[in-house]
PDB file of all heavy atoms in Angstrom:
ATOM      1  N   GLY A   1      39.413 -31.439 -24.573  1.00  0.00           N
ATOM      2  CA  GLY A   1      40.862 -31.130 -24.642  1.00  0.00           C
ATOM      3  C   GLY A   1      41.806 -32.133 -24.097  1.00  0.00           C
ATOM      4  O   GLY A   1      43.025 -32.008 -24.429  1.00  0.00           O
ATOM      5  N   LYS A   2      41.271 -32.962 -23.123  1.00  0.00           N
ATOM      6  CA  LYS A   2      42.219 -33.824 -22.411  1.00  0.00           C
ATOM      7  C   LYS A   2      41.495 -35.122 -21.954  1.00  0.00           C
ATOM      8  O   LYS A   2      40.455 -35.030 -21.399  1.00  0.00           O
ATOM      9  CB  LYS A   2      42.851 -33.076 -21.244  1.00  0.00           C
ATOM     10  CG  LYS A   2      43.963 -33.956 -20.626  1.00  0.00           C
ATOM     11  CD  LYS A   2      44.573 -33.208 -19.561  1.00  0.00           C
ATOM     12  CE  LYS A   2      45.556 -32.154 -20.040  1.00  0.00           C
ATOM     13  NZ  LYS A   2      46.362 -31.386 -19.082  1.00  0.00           N
ATOM     14  N   CYS A   3      42.030 -36.344 -22.343  1.00  0.00           N
ATOM     15  CA  CYS A   3      41.465 -37.496 -21.757  1.00  0.00           C
ATOM     16  C   CYS A   3      42.525 -38.565 -21.629  1.00  0.00           C
ATOM     17  O   CYS A   3      43.038 -39.231 -22.518  1.00  0.00           O
ATOM     18  CB  CYS A   3      40.539 -38.082 -22.869  1.00  0.00           C
ATOM     19  SG  CYS A   3      39.401 -39.507 -22.359  1.00  0.00           S
ATOM     20  N   THR A   4      43.056 -38.628 -20.379  1.00  0.00           N
ATOM     21  CA  THR A   4      44.217 -39.482 -20.122  1.00  0.00           C
ATOM     22  C   THR A   4      44.182 -40.016 -18.578  1.00  0.00           C
ATOM     23  O   THR A   4      43.586 -39.236 -17.786  1.00  0.00           O
ATOM     24  CB  THR A   4      45.456 -38.633 -20.331  1.00  0.00           C
ATOM     25  OG1 THR A   4      46.587 -39.536 -20.097  1.00  0.00           O
ATOM     26  CG2 THR A   4      45.691 -37.387 -19.515  1.00  0.00           C
ATOM     27  N   ILE A   5      44.726 -41.073 -18.432  1.00  0.00           N
ATOM     28  CA  ILE A   5      44.899 -41.652 -17.074  1.00  0.00           C
ATOM     29  C   ILE A   5      46.423 -41.485 -16.520  1.00  0.00           C
ATOM     30  O   ILE A   5      46.752 -41.764 -15.536  1.00  0.00           O
ATOM     31  CB  ILE A   5      44.559 -43.166 -17.207  1.00  0.00           C
ATOM     32  CG1 ILE A   5      45.485 -43.989 -17.986  1.00  0.00           C
ATOM     33  CG2 ILE A   5      43.175 -43.423 -17.365  1.00  0.00           C
ATOM     34  CD1 ILE A   5      45.484 -45.400 -17.802  1.00  0.00           C
ATOM     35  N   LEU A   6      47.143 -40.745 -17.456  1.00  0.00           N
ATOM     36  CA  LEU A   6      48.567 -40.567 -17.123  1.00  0.00           C
ATOM     37  C   LEU A   6      48.692 -39.394 -16.114  1.00  0.00           C
ATOM     38  O   LEU A   6      49.775 -39.072 -15.639  1.00  0.00           O
ATOM     39  CB  LEU A   6      49.326 -40.457 -18.278  1.00  0.00           C
ATOM     40  CG  LEU A   6      49.381 -41.649 -19.218  1.00  0.00           C
ATOM     41  CD1 LEU A   6      50.289 -41.377 -20.388  1.00  0.00           C
ATOM     42  CD2 LEU A   6      49.891 -42.885 -18.491  1.00  0.00           C
ATOM     43  N   GLU A   7      47.631 -38.479 -15.998  1.00  0.00           N
ATOM     44  CA  GLU A   7      47.799 -37.351 -15.066  1.00  0.00           C
ATOM     45  C   GLU A   7      46.560 -37.349 -14.176  1.00  0.00           C
ATOM     46  O   GLU A   7      45.580 -37.912 -14.429  1.00  0.00           O
ATOM     47  CB  GLU A   7      47.499 -36.041 -16.093  1.00  0.00           C
ATOM     48  CG  GLU A   7      48.576 -35.818 -17.111  1.00  0.00           C
ATOM     49  CD  GLU A   7      48.415 -34.589 -17.864  1.00  0.00           C
ATOM     50  OE1 GLU A   7      47.583 -33.709 -17.367  1.00  0.00           O
ATOM     51  OE2 GLU A   7      49.026 -34.521 -19.011  1.00  0.00           O
ATOM     52  N   VAL A   8      46.851 -36.778 -13.005  1.00  0.00           N
ATOM     53  CA  VAL A   8      45.820 -36.684 -11.952  1.00  0.00           C
ATOM     54  C   VAL A   8      44.813 -35.702 -12.294  1.00  0.00           C
ATOM     55  O   VAL A   8      45.124 -34.627 -12.862  1.00  0.00           O
ATOM     56  CB  VAL A   8      46.452 -36.280 -10.553  1.00  0.00           C
ATOM     57  CG1 VAL A   8      45.285 -36.063  -9.559  1.00  0.00           C
ATOM     58  CG2 VAL A   8      47.378 -37.255 -10.072  1.00  0.00           C
ATOM     59  N   PRO A   9      43.544 -36.120 -12.422  1.00  0.00           N
ATOM     60  CA  PRO A   9      42.466 -35.192 -12.942  1.00  0.00           C
ATOM     61  C   PRO A   9      42.441 -33.920 -12.118  1.00  0.00           C
ATOM     62  O   PRO A   9      42.688 -33.864 -10.920  1.00  0.00           O
ATOM     63  CB  PRO A   9      41.217 -35.957 -12.760  1.00  0.00           C
ATOM     64  CG  PRO A   9      41.576 -37.392 -12.575  1.00  0.00           C
ATOM     65  CD  PRO A   9      42.960 -37.385 -12.112  1.00  0.00           C
ATOM     66  N   THR A  10      42.162 -32.754 -12.771  1.00  0.00           N
ATOM     67  CA  THR A  10      42.182 -31.445 -12.082  1.00  0.00           C
ATOM     68  C   THR A  10      40.836 -31.395 -11.299  1.00  0.00           C
ATOM     69  O   THR A  10      39.707 -31.540 -11.887  1.00  0.00           O
ATOM     70  CB  THR A  10      42.215 -30.286 -13.179  1.00  0.00           C
ATOM     71  OG1 THR A  10      43.432 -30.519 -13.935  1.00  0.00           O
ATOM     72  CG2 THR A  10      42.226 -28.924 -12.449  1.00  0.00           C
ATOM     73  N   LEU A  11      41.004 -31.315 -10.015  1.00  0.00           N
ATOM     74  CA  LEU A  11      39.666 -31.184  -9.220  1.00  0.00           C
ATOM     75  C   LEU A  11      39.253 -29.829  -9.209  1.00  0.00           C
ATOM     76  O   LEU A  11      39.898 -28.768  -9.438  1.00  0.00           O
ATOM     77  CB  LEU A  11      40.130 -31.561  -7.772  1.00  0.00           C
ATOM     78  CG  LEU A  11      40.636 -33.111  -7.579  1.00  0.00           C
ATOM     79  CD1 LEU A  11      40.980 -33.205  -6.119  1.00  0.00           C
ATOM     80  CD2 LEU A  11      39.723 -34.050  -8.032  1.00  0.00           C
ATOM     81  N   PRO A  12      37.811 -29.737  -9.086  1.00  0.00           N
ATOM     82  CA  PRO A  12      37.328 -28.364  -9.094  1.00  0.00           C
ATOM     83  C   PRO A  12      37.621 -27.466  -7.964  1.00  0.00           C
ATOM     84  O   PRO A  12      37.875 -27.973  -6.890  1.00  0.00           O
ATOM     85  CB  PRO A  12      35.676 -28.665  -8.939  1.00  0.00           C
ATOM     86  CG  PRO A  12      35.571 -30.180  -9.385  1.00  0.00           C
ATOM     87  CD  PRO A  12      36.831 -30.763  -9.039  1.00  0.00           C
ATOM     88  N   LYS A  13      37.889 -26.212  -8.284  1.00  0.00           N
ATOM     89  CA  LYS A  13      38.399 -25.257  -7.218  1.00  0.00           C
ATOM     90  C   LYS A  13      37.376 -24.830  -6.226  1.00  0.00           C
ATOM     91  O   LYS A  13      37.655 -24.377  -5.198  1.00  0.00           O
ATOM     92  CB  LYS A  13      39.111 -24.012  -7.902  1.00  0.00           C
ATOM     93  CG  LYS A  13      40.264 -24.441  -8.868  1.00  0.00           C
ATOM     94  CD  LYS A  13      40.861 -23.189  -9.474  1.00  0.00           C
ATOM     95  CE  LYS A  13      41.979 -23.572 -10.299  1.00  0.00           C
ATOM     96  NZ  LYS A  13      42.555 -22.342 -11.100  1.00  0.00           N
ATOM     97  N   SER A  14      36.100 -24.979  -6.679  1.00  0.00           N
ATOM     98  CA  SER A  14      34.989 -24.564  -5.749  1.00  0.00           C
ATOM     99  C   SER A  14      33.846 -25.641  -5.818  1.00  0.00           C
ATOM    100  O   SER A  14      33.636 -26.203  -6.939  1.00  0.00           O
ATOM    101  CB  SER A  14      34.520 -23.299  -6.273  1.00  0.00           C
ATOM    102  OG  SER A  14      33.399 -22.805  -5.553  1.00  0.00           O
ATOM    103  N   ILE A  15      33.166 -25.725  -4.682  1.00  0.00           N
ATOM    104  CA  ILE A  15      32.042 -26.690  -4.661  1.00  0.00           C
ATOM    105  C   ILE A  15      30.939 -26.176  -5.575  1.00  0.00           C
ATOM    106  O   ILE A  15      30.085 -26.978  -6.073  1.00  0.00           O
ATOM    107  CB  ILE A  15      31.473 -26.808  -3.204  1.00  0.00           C
ATOM    108  CG1 ILE A  15      30.474 -27.962  -3.142  1.00  0.00           C
ATOM    109  CG2 ILE A  15      30.860 -25.517  -2.773  1.00  0.00           C
ATOM    110  CD1 ILE A  15      31.184 -29.326  -3.414  1.00  0.00           C
ATOM    111  N   SER A  16      30.942 -24.912  -5.965  1.00  0.00           N
ATOM    112  CA  SER A  16      29.864 -24.395  -6.912  1.00  0.00           C
ATOM    113  C   SER A  16      30.023 -24.911  -8.213  1.00  0.00           C
ATOM    114  O   SER A  16      29.088 -24.886  -9.058  1.00  0.00           O
ATOM    115  CB  SER A  16      29.927 -22.848  -6.806  1.00  0.00           C
ATOM    116  OG  SER A  16      31.208 -22.431  -7.401  1.00  0.00           O
ATOM    117  N   MET A  17      31.196 -25.449  -8.609  1.00  0.00           N
ATOM    118  CA  MET A  17      31.465 -26.089  -9.861  1.00  0.00           C
ATOM    119  C   MET A  17      30.600 -27.498  -9.987  1.00  0.00           C
ATOM    120  O   MET A  17      30.577 -28.102 -11.041  1.00  0.00           O
ATOM    121  CB  MET A  17      32.847 -26.192 -10.207  1.00  0.00           C
ATOM    122  CG  MET A  17      33.673 -24.848 -10.229  1.00  0.00           C
ATOM    123  SD  MET A  17      35.368 -25.008 -10.594  1.00  0.00           S
ATOM    124  CE  MET A  17      35.460 -25.716 -12.362  1.00  0.00           C
ATOM    125  N   LEU A  18      30.414 -28.117  -8.812  1.00  0.00           N
ATOM    126  CA  LEU A  18      29.757 -29.340  -8.818  1.00  0.00           C
ATOM    127  C   LEU A  18      28.347 -29.312  -8.270  1.00  0.00           C
ATOM    128  O   LEU A  18      27.516 -30.268  -8.442  1.00  0.00           O
ATOM    129  CB  LEU A  18      30.484 -30.359  -7.896  1.00  0.00           C
ATOM    130  CG  LEU A  18      31.927 -30.687  -8.372  1.00  0.00           C
ATOM    131  CD1 LEU A  18      32.699 -31.506  -7.227  1.00  0.00           C
ATOM    132  CD2 LEU A  18      31.907 -31.263  -9.755  1.00  0.00           C
ATOM    133  N   VAL A  19      27.937 -28.237  -7.646  1.00  0.00           N
ATOM    134  CA  VAL A  19      26.523 -28.150  -6.980  1.00  0.00           C
ATOM    135  C   VAL A  19      25.751 -26.972  -7.580  1.00  0.00           C
ATOM    136  O   VAL A  19      26.416 -25.886  -7.709  1.00  0.00           O
ATOM    137  CB  VAL A  19      26.731 -28.010  -5.452  1.00  0.00           C
ATOM    138  CG1 VAL A  19      25.283 -27.911  -4.881  1.00  0.00           C
ATOM    139  CG2 VAL A  19      27.350 -29.171  -4.899  1.00  0.00           C
ATOM    140  N   ASP A  20      24.573 -27.228  -7.909  1.00  0.00           N
ATOM    141  CA  ASP A  20      23.818 -26.034  -8.477  1.00  0.00           C
ATOM    142  C   ASP A  20      22.215 -26.429  -8.283  1.00  0.00           C
ATOM    143  O   ASP A  20      21.790 -27.548  -8.453  1.00  0.00           O
ATOM    144  CB  ASP A  20      24.048 -26.016 -10.048  1.00  0.00           C
ATOM    145  CG  ASP A  20      23.276 -24.883 -10.839  1.00  0.00           C
ATOM    146  OD1 ASP A  20      22.001 -25.289 -11.124  1.00  0.00           O
ATOM    147  OD2 ASP A  20      23.776 -23.907 -10.976  1.00  0.00           O
ATOM    148  N   MET A  21      21.562 -25.440  -7.777  1.00  0.00           N
ATOM    149  CA  MET A  21      20.120 -25.585  -7.570  1.00  0.00           C
ATOM    150  C   MET A  21      19.350 -26.064  -8.699  1.00  0.00           C
ATOM    151  O   MET A  21      18.427 -26.859  -8.641  1.00  0.00           O
ATOM    152  CB  MET A  21      19.543 -24.466  -6.856  1.00  0.00           C
ATOM    153  CG  MET A  21      20.020 -24.189  -5.454  1.00  0.00           C
ATOM    154  SD  MET A  21      19.790 -25.624  -4.290  1.00  0.00           S
ATOM    155  CE  MET A  21      17.911 -25.735  -4.394  1.00  0.00           C
ATOM    156  N   GLU A  22      19.604 -25.353  -9.932  1.00  0.00           N
ATOM    157  CA  GLU A  22      18.843 -25.685 -11.067  1.00  0.00           C
ATOM    158  C   GLU A  22      18.984 -27.133 -11.434  1.00  0.00           C
ATOM    159  O   GLU A  22      18.140 -27.850 -11.781  1.00  0.00           O
ATOM    160  CB  GLU A  22      19.231 -24.775 -12.139  1.00  0.00           C
ATOM    161  CG  GLU A  22      18.480 -24.891 -13.628  1.00  0.00           C
ATOM    162  CD  GLU A  22      18.997 -24.120 -14.755  1.00  0.00           C
ATOM    163  OE1 GLU A  22      20.011 -23.397 -14.453  1.00  0.00           O
ATOM    164  OE2 GLU A  22      18.336 -24.182 -15.713  1.00  0.00           O
ATOM    165  N   ALA A  23      20.352 -27.516 -11.379  1.00  0.00           N
ATOM    166  CA  ALA A  23      20.670 -28.965 -11.716  1.00  0.00           C
ATOM    167  C   ALA A  23      19.952 -29.891 -10.726  1.00  0.00           C
ATOM    168  O   ALA A  23      19.529 -30.972 -11.214  1.00  0.00           O
ATOM    169  CB  ALA A  23      22.122 -29.124 -11.805  1.00  0.00           C
ATOM    170  N   THR A  24      19.865 -29.543  -9.513  1.00  0.00           N
ATOM    171  CA  THR A  24      19.231 -30.452  -8.589  1.00  0.00           C
ATOM    172  C   THR A  24      17.887 -30.644  -8.820  1.00  0.00           C
ATOM    173  O   THR A  24      17.280 -31.687  -8.792  1.00  0.00           O
ATOM    174  CB  THR A  24      19.427 -29.779  -7.068  1.00  0.00           C
ATOM    175  OG1 THR A  24      20.808 -29.679  -6.780  1.00  0.00           O
ATOM    176  CG2 THR A  24      18.822 -30.659  -6.023  1.00  0.00           C
ATOM    177  N   PHE A  25      17.148 -29.538  -9.263  1.00  0.00           N
ATOM    178  CA  PHE A  25      15.693 -29.491  -9.441  1.00  0.00           C
ATOM    179  C   PHE A  25      15.448 -30.195 -10.753  1.00  0.00           C
ATOM    180  O   PHE A  25      14.391 -30.814 -10.934  1.00  0.00           O
ATOM    181  CB  PHE A  25      15.006 -28.097  -9.555  1.00  0.00           C
ATOM    182  CG  PHE A  25      14.843 -27.505  -8.231  1.00  0.00           C
ATOM    183  CD1 PHE A  25      15.533 -26.375  -7.688  1.00  0.00           C
ATOM    184  CD2 PHE A  25      13.911 -28.182  -7.259  1.00  0.00           C
ATOM    185  CE1 PHE A  25      15.236 -25.919  -6.504  1.00  0.00           C
ATOM    186  CE2 PHE A  25      13.693 -27.631  -5.989  1.00  0.00           C
ATOM    187  CZ  PHE A  25      14.336 -26.474  -5.627  1.00  0.00           C
ATOM    188  N   ILE A  26      16.369 -30.114 -11.742  1.00  0.00           N
ATOM    189  CA  ILE A  26      16.256 -30.830 -13.023  1.00  0.00           C
ATOM    190  C   ILE A  26      16.167 -32.397 -12.708  1.00  0.00           C
ATOM    191  O   ILE A  26      15.486 -33.077 -13.209  1.00  0.00           O
ATOM    192  CB  ILE A  26      17.443 -30.547 -14.032  1.00  0.00           C
ATOM    193  CG1 ILE A  26      17.187 -29.243 -14.538  1.00  0.00           C
ATOM    194  CG2 ILE A  26      17.486 -31.562 -15.043  1.00  0.00           C
ATOM    195  CD1 ILE A  26      18.477 -28.777 -15.397  1.00  0.00           C
ATOM    196  N   PHE A  27      17.145 -32.886 -11.877  1.00  0.00           N
ATOM    197  CA  PHE A  27      17.365 -34.280 -11.495  1.00  0.00           C
ATOM    198  C   PHE A  27      16.020 -34.798 -10.706  1.00  0.00           C
ATOM    199  O   PHE A  27      15.374 -35.765 -11.101  1.00  0.00           O
ATOM    200  CB  PHE A  27      18.501 -34.544 -10.662  1.00  0.00           C
ATOM    201  CG  PHE A  27      18.528 -36.148 -10.301  1.00  0.00           C
ATOM    202  CD1 PHE A  27      19.027 -37.016 -11.241  1.00  0.00           C
ATOM    203  CD2 PHE A  27      18.130 -36.528  -9.043  1.00  0.00           C
ATOM    204  CE1 PHE A  27      19.038 -38.347 -10.974  1.00  0.00           C
ATOM    205  CE2 PHE A  27      18.124 -37.916  -8.828  1.00  0.00           C
ATOM    206  CZ  PHE A  27      18.594 -38.783  -9.682  1.00  0.00           C
ATOM    207  N   LEU A  28      15.543 -33.914  -9.704  1.00  0.00           N
ATOM    208  CA  LEU A  28      14.358 -34.375  -8.886  1.00  0.00           C
ATOM    209  C   LEU A  28      13.150 -34.354  -9.808  1.00  0.00           C
ATOM    210  O   LEU A  28      12.266 -35.196  -9.728  1.00  0.00           O
ATOM    211  CB  LEU A  28      14.252 -33.337  -7.683  1.00  0.00           C
ATOM    212  CG  LEU A  28      15.335 -33.373  -6.677  1.00  0.00           C
ATOM    213  CD1 LEU A  28      15.117 -32.414  -5.576  1.00  0.00           C
ATOM    214  CD2 LEU A  28      15.254 -34.705  -6.002  1.00  0.00           C
ATOM    215  N   GLY A  29      13.079 -33.202 -10.668  1.00  0.00           N
ATOM    216  CA  GLY A  29      11.962 -33.237 -11.602  1.00  0.00           C
ATOM    217  C   GLY A  29      11.906 -34.444 -12.531  1.00  0.00           C
ATOM    218  O   GLY A  29      10.782 -34.975 -12.810  1.00  0.00           O
ATOM    219  N   TRP A  30      13.026 -34.870 -13.023  1.00  0.00           N
ATOM    220  CA  TRP A  30      13.204 -36.021 -13.885  1.00  0.00           C
ATOM    221  C   TRP A  30      12.761 -37.270 -13.060  1.00  0.00           C
ATOM    222  O   TRP A  30      11.972 -37.992 -13.705  1.00  0.00           O
ATOM    223  CB  TRP A  30      14.616 -36.178 -14.300  1.00  0.00           C
ATOM    224  CG  TRP A  30      14.831 -37.425 -15.115  1.00  0.00           C
ATOM    225  CD1 TRP A  30      15.522 -38.473 -14.567  1.00  0.00           C
ATOM    226  CD2 TRP A  30      14.450 -37.726 -16.440  1.00  0.00           C
ATOM    227  NE1 TRP A  30      15.525 -39.560 -15.598  1.00  0.00           N
ATOM    228  CE2 TRP A  30      14.981 -39.092 -16.717  1.00  0.00           C
ATOM    229  CE3 TRP A  30      13.654 -37.121 -17.283  1.00  0.00           C
ATOM    230  CZ2 TRP A  30      14.612 -39.785 -17.876  1.00  0.00           C
ATOM    231  CZ3 TRP A  30      13.389 -37.771 -18.550  1.00  0.00           C
ATOM    232  CH2 TRP A  30      14.006 -39.044 -18.784  1.00  0.00           C
ATOM    233  N   PHE A  31      13.062 -37.552 -11.801  1.00  0.00           N
ATOM    234  CA  PHE A  31      12.821 -38.693 -11.167  1.00  0.00           C
ATOM    235  C   PHE A  31      11.354 -38.664 -10.946  1.00  0.00           C
ATOM    236  O   PHE A  31      10.554 -39.635 -11.067  1.00  0.00           O
ATOM    237  CB  PHE A  31      13.586 -38.634  -9.806  1.00  0.00           C
ATOM    238  CG  PHE A  31      13.363 -39.843  -9.012  1.00  0.00           C
ATOM    239  CD1 PHE A  31      14.309 -40.940  -9.104  1.00  0.00           C
ATOM    240  CD2 PHE A  31      12.374 -40.087  -8.119  1.00  0.00           C
ATOM    241  CE1 PHE A  31      14.099 -42.048  -8.308  1.00  0.00           C
ATOM    242  CE2 PHE A  31      12.105 -41.251  -7.438  1.00  0.00           C
ATOM    243  CZ  PHE A  31      13.153 -42.197  -7.436  1.00  0.00           C
ATOM    244  N   VAL A  32      10.656 -37.604 -10.476  1.00  0.00           N
ATOM    245  CA  VAL A  32       9.226 -37.464 -10.252  1.00  0.00           C
ATOM    246  C   VAL A  32       8.499 -37.748 -11.615  1.00  0.00           C
ATOM    247  O   VAL A  32       7.355 -38.476 -11.654  1.00  0.00           O
ATOM    248  CB  VAL A  32       8.755 -36.231  -9.677  1.00  0.00           C
ATOM    249  CG1 VAL A  32       7.303 -36.025  -9.562  1.00  0.00           C
ATOM    250  CG2 VAL A  32       9.426 -36.043  -8.175  1.00  0.00           C
ATOM    251  N   PHE A  33       8.961 -37.202 -12.611  1.00  0.00           N
ATOM    252  CA  PHE A  33       8.466 -37.395 -13.923  1.00  0.00           C
ATOM    253  C   PHE A  33       8.321 -38.739 -14.273  1.00  0.00           C
ATOM    254  O   PHE A  33       7.295 -39.343 -14.760  1.00  0.00           O
ATOM    255  CB  PHE A  33       9.118 -36.473 -15.039  1.00  0.00           C
ATOM    256  CG  PHE A  33       8.539 -36.718 -16.516  1.00  0.00           C
ATOM    257  CD1 PHE A  33       7.338 -36.441 -16.832  1.00  0.00           C
ATOM    258  CD2 PHE A  33       9.433 -37.235 -17.373  1.00  0.00           C
ATOM    259  CE1 PHE A  33       6.871 -36.547 -18.137  1.00  0.00           C
ATOM    260  CE2 PHE A  33       8.998 -37.477 -18.607  1.00  0.00           C
ATOM    261  CZ  PHE A  33       7.807 -37.041 -19.122  1.00  0.00           C
TER     262      PHE A  33
END
């Protein structure tokens, strides 16, 4: 819905929006694979 450099990007309100155990294991599994 928005793609512009004219506004400061909305930062996540919580660290949980950027960190997730499932996502971490997906990346680690991909690297090992």
